[in-house]
Amino acid sequence: MSEQIRLLDRDGNLCTVNIEDLIAIRPTADGPEFHTKDGMYFYPTTMEELQILFKDVGFERLDRTNLVNMNHVQAFDPKARRVYFENPWSKDSQFATVSEANVSKVQHLSKESQATYKPVRKPLFGKG
């Protein structure tokens, strides 16, 4: 079985190309061009292109600065809007930020901690 590489065609569609079918790789200002006898392909160089390439293996864009492999996300902190790759997490844990628009993608991973406050027993108004 030959090795394959995932590239994008001229229209931005995901393609799998056999490495042995490559006849040339040319560097350009926009990233390398991969040439076969049948066509030309591009390696993704923008977040949008990388999202196309990795979406079907579990990556989601959670913020404008990241693509996150959702298969490794273990927890979501809704206050800090961060996902963590271990649970429980610590101050040294790796995390990725989540934009407000993408909270719905990870909301199911948050677990509200039990309330640690004590309810007020005195009436707020009047005598108690």
Protein backbone atom coordinates (compact mmCIF):
# COMPACT_ATOMS: atom_id res chain seq x y z
CA MET A 1 0.00 0.00 0.00
CA SER A 2 1.41 3.38 -0.94
CA GLU A 3 1.56 6.29 1.43
CA GLN A 4 -0.92 9.09 0.92
CA ILE A 5 -1.08 12.78 1.68
CA ARG A 6 -4.19 14.88 2.16
CA LEU A 7 -4.19 18.02 0.03
CA LEU A 8 -6.64 20.50 -1.43
CA ASP A 9 -7.48 20.81 -5.11
CA ARG A 10 -7.80 24.15 -6.95
CA ASP A 11 -11.39 24.55 -5.68
CA GLY A 12 -10.44 23.93 -2.05
CA ASN A 13 -11.86 20.41 -1.92
CA LEU A 14 -10.15 17.76 0.17
CA CYS A 15 -8.22 15.17 -1.87
CA THR A 16 -6.05 12.21 -1.01
CA VAL A 17 -3.03 11.86 -3.27
CA ASN A 18 -0.65 8.91 -3.43
CA ILE A 19 2.84 10.18 -2.69
CA GLU A 20 4.24 8.00 -5.46
CA ASP A 21 2.02 9.89 -7.95
CA LEU A 22 3.73 13.21 -7.17
CA ILE A 23 6.02 14.35 -9.94
CA ALA A 24 7.08 17.71 -8.46
CA ILE A 25 6.66 19.96 -5.45
CA ARG A 26 7.19 23.65 -6.14
CA PRO A 27 7.50 26.31 -3.45
CA THR A 28 5.41 29.44 -3.91
CA ALA A 29 4.66 32.50 -1.81
CA ASP A 30 1.31 30.88 -0.94
CA GLY A 31 2.82 27.56 0.09
CA PRO A 32 3.94 24.49 -1.83
CA GLU A 33 2.21 23.26 -4.98
CA PHE A 34 2.04 19.50 -5.40
CA HIS A 35 1.99 18.36 -9.03
CA THR A 36 0.89 15.01 -10.42
CA LYS A 37 0.46 14.04 -14.05
CA ASP A 38 -3.26 14.70 -13.61
CA GLY A 39 -3.35 17.95 -11.67
CA MET A 40 -2.04 20.38 -9.10
CA TYR A 41 -2.80 20.38 -5.37
CA PHE A 42 -2.10 22.66 -2.45
CA TYR A 43 -1.18 22.10 1.16
CA PRO A 44 -3.47 24.10 3.43
CA THR A 45 -1.85 27.24 4.79
CA THR A 46 -4.77 29.07 6.42
CA MET A 47 -6.91 28.09 9.39
CA GLU A 48 -9.91 27.72 7.08
CA GLU A 49 -8.01 25.33 4.82
CA LEU A 50 -6.67 23.36 7.77
CA GLN A 51 -10.22 23.08 9.11
CA ILE A 52 -11.28 21.49 5.80
CA LEU A 53 -8.35 19.08 5.99
CA PHE A 54 -8.86 17.96 9.58
CA LYS A 55 -12.62 18.27 10.17
CA ASP A 56 -13.42 14.65 9.40
CA VAL A 57 -10.89 13.41 11.95
CA GLY A 58 -12.41 15.36 14.85
CA PHE A 59 -10.99 18.88 14.75
CA GLU A 60 -13.25 21.85 15.43
CA ARG A 61 -12.52 25.54 15.32
CA LEU A 62 -13.34 26.75 18.82
CA ASP A 63 -11.79 30.19 18.50
CA ARG A 64 -10.20 32.22 15.72
CA THR A 65 -6.76 31.22 17.02
CA ASN A 66 -7.17 27.45 17.19
CA LEU A 67 -8.34 24.16 15.77
CA VAL A 68 -8.90 21.62 18.52
CA ASN A 69 -8.94 17.84 18.30
CA MET A 70 -12.24 17.20 20.06
CA ASN A 71 -11.27 13.56 20.58
CA HIS A 72 -8.83 14.74 23.26
CA VAL A 73 -10.96 17.35 25.02
CA GLN A 74 -11.88 16.22 28.53
CA ALA A 75 -13.45 19.25 30.20
CA PHE A 76 -14.80 22.74 29.65
CA ASP A 77 -14.55 25.65 32.08
CA PRO A 78 -17.47 27.94 31.19
CA LYS A 79 -16.20 30.86 33.31
CA ALA A 80 -12.80 31.04 31.59
CA ARG A 81 -14.20 29.64 28.31
CA ARG A 82 -11.41 27.10 28.01
CA VAL A 83 -11.33 23.42 27.10
CA TYR A 84 -8.83 21.15 28.81
CA PHE A 85 -7.24 17.91 27.68
CA GLU A 86 -7.30 16.39 31.14
CA ASN A 87 -9.87 16.29 33.90
CA PRO A 88 -9.39 17.50 36.52
CA TRP A 89 -7.18 20.26 35.20
CA SER A 90 -4.63 22.40 37.03
CA LYS A 91 -3.01 25.78 36.47
CA ASP A 92 -0.31 24.01 34.43
CA SER A 93 -2.74 22.09 32.16
CA GLN A 94 -2.79 22.69 28.44
CA PHE A 95 -5.95 24.39 27.24
CA ALA A 96 -7.57 25.98 24.22
CA THR A 97 -9.82 29.02 24.31
CA VAL A 98 -13.45 28.94 23.19
CA SER A 99 -15.20 31.94 21.64
CA GLU A 100 -18.66 32.79 22.88
CA ALA A 101 -20.09 31.81 19.49
CA ASN A 102 -18.65 28.28 19.86
CA VAL A 103 -19.58 27.54 23.47
CA SER A 104 -22.44 25.33 22.26
CA LYS A 105 -19.87 22.91 20.78
CA VAL A 106 -18.40 22.18 24.22
CA GLN A 107 -21.11 23.11 26.71
CA HIS A 108 -21.88 19.43 27.32
CA LEU A 109 -18.38 19.02 28.80
CA SER A 110 -18.91 21.47 31.68
CA LYS A 111 -19.90 20.13 35.03
CA GLU A 112 -21.24 22.65 37.42
CA SER A 113 -19.47 22.23 40.72
CA GLN A 114 -21.59 21.88 43.80
CA ALA A 115 -22.47 25.17 45.44
CA THR A 116 -20.03 26.00 48.22
CA TYR A 117 -21.93 28.96 49.60
CA LYS A 118 -24.37 28.78 52.45
CA PRO A 119 -27.85 30.13 51.87
CA VAL A 120 -28.89 33.21 53.80
CA ARG A 121 -31.06 32.18 56.72
CA LYS A 122 -32.06 35.70 57.75
CA PRO A 123 -34.82 37.46 55.91
CA LEU A 124 -33.52 40.19 53.68
CA PHE A 125 -36.30 42.59 54.55
CA GLY A 126 -37.88 43.13 57.94
CA LYS A 127 -37.11 41.40 61.19
CA GLY A 128 -36.02 37.84 61.36
